[in-house]
Amino acid sequence: MSATSVANNQGGGSEGKAEESPEDKVEARQDSARKEALLRQPVSEDGADVHRLIQRCPPLDENSVYCNLLQTSHFADTSVAAEVAGELAGFVSGYLVPSRPDTLFIWQVAVAEEGRGQGLAGRMIREILGRPNCAQVRYLETTITPDNEASWALFRGLARKLGTECNESVMFDRERHFQGQHDSEMLLRIGPFTQAGS
């Protein structure tokens, strides 16, 4: 939702209402609708757009376009694309852990600047959790580098909304796994919880 269409008229008096013409109201509603994100299952044709989106969202690790094509095709059931005004403004990729089908692993969360400040990342994750193919999911996992405060806040907030706890441990160590070339990736495990829709 656009905050600007409702924030300007704070007086509440009749003068403020009289100044807003019917055309202004229609335009404000159209602006709001344009900025509202449409959440949908991705398709393979989104792969190149996902690649460009992730390039615009540092510090996310960039993968190859081929990897993004696989995310939007093989993993489409557990991923979500968000469109704002017809453009890709957000993408979450995930998969069910093969040996633990009750666990959804969130691989990457990307939100473009125009989609930020609306709770879009959390909405996208809850959209995936609410799908029929995730009915058995009771845990959510992801990895986060220690300094990524926005991601920590997102997933801890999600745990609160799901009414459950989150536990953290090292999944991939800076020295042992990345040979000092990348920060450690901390595993955050959220759950158990019941099925959560958007």
Protein backbone atom coordinates (compact mmCIF):
# COMPACT_ATOMS: atom_id res chain seq x y z
CA MET A 1 0.00 0.00 0.00
CA SER A 2 1.13 3.53 -0.63
CA ALA A 3 1.46 5.57 2.55
CA THR A 4 1.57 8.83 0.63
CA SER A 5 -2.04 8.61 -0.52
CA VAL A 6 -3.31 8.64 3.07
CA ALA A 7 -0.66 10.61 4.95
CA ASN A 8 -1.24 14.10 3.55
CA ASN A 9 -4.80 14.78 4.77
CA GLN A 10 -4.35 14.77 8.53
CA GLY A 11 -6.66 17.66 9.41
CA GLY A 12 -9.80 15.56 9.25
CA GLY A 13 -11.93 18.69 8.69
CA SER A 14 -14.36 19.33 5.88
CA GLU A 15 -11.96 21.80 4.21
CA GLY A 16 -9.44 19.05 3.46
CA LYS A 17 -12.10 16.79 2.01
CA ALA A 18 -13.51 19.54 -0.20
CA GLU A 19 -10.11 20.28 -1.75
CA GLU A 20 -9.68 16.71 -3.03
CA SER A 21 -11.45 16.34 -6.37
CA PRO A 22 -12.92 13.03 -7.62
CA GLU A 23 -10.09 12.90 -10.17
CA ASP A 24 -7.52 13.22 -7.36
CA LYS A 25 -9.17 10.35 -5.49
CA VAL A 26 -9.14 8.12 -8.57
CA GLU A 27 -5.50 8.99 -9.25
CA ALA A 28 -4.55 8.25 -5.62
CA ARG A 29 -6.29 4.87 -5.80
CA GLN A 30 -4.53 4.08 -9.09
CA ASP A 31 -1.14 5.05 -7.59
CA SER A 32 -1.85 2.79 -4.62
CA ALA A 33 -2.86 -0.10 -6.90
CA ARG A 34 0.28 0.36 -9.00
CA LYS A 35 2.47 0.13 -5.91
CA GLU A 36 0.66 -2.90 -4.43
CA ALA A 37 2.72 -6.02 -5.03
CA LEU A 38 1.24 -8.95 -6.93
CA LEU A 39 2.62 -12.22 -5.53
CA ARG A 40 2.77 -15.16 -7.90
CA GLN A 41 4.60 -18.39 -8.62
CA PRO A 42 7.61 -17.68 -10.85
CA VAL A 43 8.04 -19.05 -14.36
CA SER A 44 11.28 -19.79 -16.21
CA GLU A 45 10.97 -16.55 -18.20
CA ASP A 46 11.55 -14.68 -14.91
CA GLY A 47 15.09 -16.06 -14.61
CA ALA A 48 16.91 -13.19 -16.33
CA ASP A 49 14.84 -10.61 -14.42
CA VAL A 50 15.68 -12.38 -11.14
CA HIS A 51 19.36 -12.19 -12.07
CA ARG A 52 19.09 -8.42 -12.66
CA LEU A 53 17.10 -7.95 -9.44
CA ILE A 54 19.74 -9.72 -7.34
CA GLN A 55 22.45 -7.56 -8.93
CA ARG A 56 20.54 -4.53 -7.57
CA CYS A 57 20.34 -5.99 -4.03
CA PRO A 58 23.78 -6.08 -2.43
CA PRO A 59 25.09 -7.81 -0.39
CA LEU A 60 23.27 -10.80 -1.94
CA ASP A 61 25.53 -13.30 -3.67
CA GLU A 62 24.99 -13.33 -7.41
CA ASN A 63 24.48 -16.68 -9.08
CA SER A 64 24.57 -17.44 -12.79
CA VAL A 65 21.51 -16.75 -14.95
CA TYR A 66 21.31 -20.52 -15.40
CA CYS A 67 20.98 -20.95 -11.63
CA ASN A 68 18.21 -18.33 -11.58
CA LEU A 69 16.46 -20.18 -14.42
CA LEU A 70 16.52 -23.34 -12.29
CA GLN A 71 15.18 -21.42 -9.30
CA THR A 72 12.25 -20.11 -11.36
CA SER A 73 11.47 -23.50 -12.94
CA HIS A 74 12.58 -26.51 -10.85
CA PHE A 75 11.97 -24.65 -7.56
CA ALA A 76 8.93 -22.61 -8.65
CA ASP A 77 6.62 -24.40 -6.19
CA THR A 78 8.69 -23.12 -3.27
CA SER A 79 9.64 -19.72 -4.67
CA VAL A 80 7.68 -16.52 -5.23
CA ALA A 81 7.92 -13.50 -7.53
CA ALA A 82 6.51 -10.09 -6.59
CA GLU A 83 5.52 -7.60 -9.26
CA VAL A 84 4.99 -3.88 -8.68
CA ALA A 85 3.57 -1.94 -11.63
CA GLY A 86 4.33 -4.91 -13.89
CA GLU A 87 8.02 -5.08 -12.93
CA LEU A 88 9.78 -7.70 -10.81
CA ALA A 89 10.31 -6.02 -7.42
CA GLY A 90 10.90 -9.04 -5.22
CA PHE A 91 11.89 -12.69 -5.34
CA VAL A 92 12.26 -15.40 -2.73
CA SER A 93 13.75 -18.76 -3.64
CA GLY A 94 13.43 -21.82 -1.47
CA TYR A 95 13.15 -25.58 -1.49
CA LEU A 96 12.02 -28.45 0.70
CA VAL A 97 15.07 -30.09 2.26
CA PRO A 98 15.23 -33.53 0.55
CA SER A 99 15.91 -35.53 3.72
CA ARG A 100 13.47 -33.44 5.82
CA PRO A 101 10.35 -32.57 3.80
CA ASP A 102 8.87 -30.83 6.86
CA THR A 103 11.54 -28.10 6.44
CA LEU A 104 11.45 -25.24 3.95
CA PHE A 105 14.90 -23.79 3.30
CA ILE A 106 14.84 -20.17 2.15
CA TRP A 107 17.74 -19.76 -0.22
CA GLN A 108 17.61 -16.07 -1.07
CA VAL A 109 15.37 -13.05 -0.44
CA ALA A 110 15.63 -10.06 -2.78
CA VAL A 111 13.50 -6.91 -2.66
CA ALA A 112 14.15 -3.95 -4.98
CA GLU A 113 14.21 -0.45 -3.55
CA GLU A 114 10.72 0.35 -4.85
CA GLY A 115 9.31 -2.63 -2.96
CA ARG A 116 10.94 -1.91 0.41
CA GLY A 117 9.23 -0.65 3.54
CA GLN A 118 6.00 -2.57 2.89
CA GLY A 119 6.74 -5.86 4.63
CA LEU A 120 7.07 -7.49 1.22
CA ALA A 121 9.81 -9.97 2.16
CA GLY A 122 7.76 -11.44 5.01
CA ARG A 123 4.62 -11.54 2.86
CA MET A 124 6.48 -13.46 0.14
CA ILE A 125 7.75 -16.07 2.61
CA ARG A 126 4.28 -16.51 4.15
CA GLU A 127 2.85 -16.87 0.63
CA ILE A 128 5.14 -19.88 0.05
CA LEU A 129 4.29 -21.38 3.46
CA GLY A 130 0.58 -21.08 2.69
CA ARG A 131 0.75 -23.18 -0.48
CA PRO A 132 -0.69 -26.72 -0.50
CA ASN A 133 2.71 -28.26 -1.30
CA CYS A 134 4.02 -26.78 2.00
CA ALA A 135 1.17 -28.12 4.14
CA GLN A 136 3.59 -30.50 5.89
CA VAL A 137 6.18 -27.79 6.62
CA ARG A 138 6.77 -27.23 10.33
CA TYR A 139 10.24 -25.67 10.19
CA LEU A 140 11.85 -22.91 8.18
CA GLU A 141 15.61 -22.61 7.77
CA THR A 142 17.88 -20.07 6.18
CA THR A 143 21.48 -18.92 6.45
CA ILE A 144 22.49 -15.35 7.27
CA THR A 145 25.89 -13.73 7.62
CA PRO A 146 26.49 -12.27 11.11
CA ASP A 147 26.42 -8.62 9.91
CA ASN A 148 23.21 -8.79 7.84
CA GLU A 149 20.98 -6.98 10.34
CA ALA A 150 18.03 -6.62 7.96
CA SER A 151 17.82 -10.38 7.39
CA TRP A 152 18.14 -11.15 11.11
CA ALA A 153 15.29 -8.73 11.81
CA LEU A 154 13.15 -10.21 9.03
CA PHE A 155 13.46 -13.82 10.17
CA ARG A 156 13.23 -13.12 13.89
CA GLY A 157 10.09 -11.09 13.18
CA LEU A 158 8.73 -13.97 11.14
CA ALA A 159 9.36 -16.35 14.05
CA ARG A 160 7.37 -14.03 16.32
CA LYS A 161 4.48 -13.91 13.84
CA LEU A 162 4.50 -17.70 13.61
CA GLY A 163 4.48 -17.91 17.42
CA THR A 164 7.58 -20.06 17.61
CA GLU A 165 11.25 -19.95 18.49
CA CYS A 166 14.38 -19.65 16.41
CA ASN A 167 17.74 -21.26 17.02
CA GLU A 168 21.04 -20.42 15.41
CA SER A 169 24.27 -22.28 14.73
CA VAL A 170 27.11 -22.14 12.21
CA MET A 171 26.26 -23.95 8.98
CA PHE A 172 29.18 -22.91 6.75
CA ASP A 173 32.29 -21.61 8.49
CA ARG A 174 34.40 -18.78 7.04
CA GLU A 175 37.67 -20.73 7.30
CA ARG A 176 36.54 -24.34 7.09
CA HIS A 177 34.11 -23.98 4.18
CA PHE A 178 34.95 -20.67 2.47
CA GLN A 179 38.75 -20.70 2.97
CA GLY A 180 38.52 -17.16 4.37
CA GLN A 181 36.89 -15.76 1.22
CA HIS A 182 33.35 -15.28 2.60
CA ASP A 183 31.80 -14.58 5.98
CA SER A 184 30.42 -17.52 7.94
CA GLU A 185 26.81 -18.41 7.14
CA MET A 186 24.76 -18.86 10.30
CA LEU A 187 21.90 -21.34 10.15
CA LEU A 188 18.67 -19.95 11.57
CA ARG A 189 16.05 -22.65 12.27
CA ILE A 190 12.50 -21.47 12.99
CA GLY A 191 9.84 -23.80 14.34
CA PRO A 192 7.91 -25.86 14.92
CA PHE A 193 4.81 -24.04 13.67
CA THR A 194 1.52 -24.87 12.03
CA GLN A 195 0.82 -24.02 8.39
CA ALA A 196 0.95 -20.26 7.87
CA GLY A 197 -0.76 -18.50 4.98
CA SER A 198 -0.19 -15.02 3.68
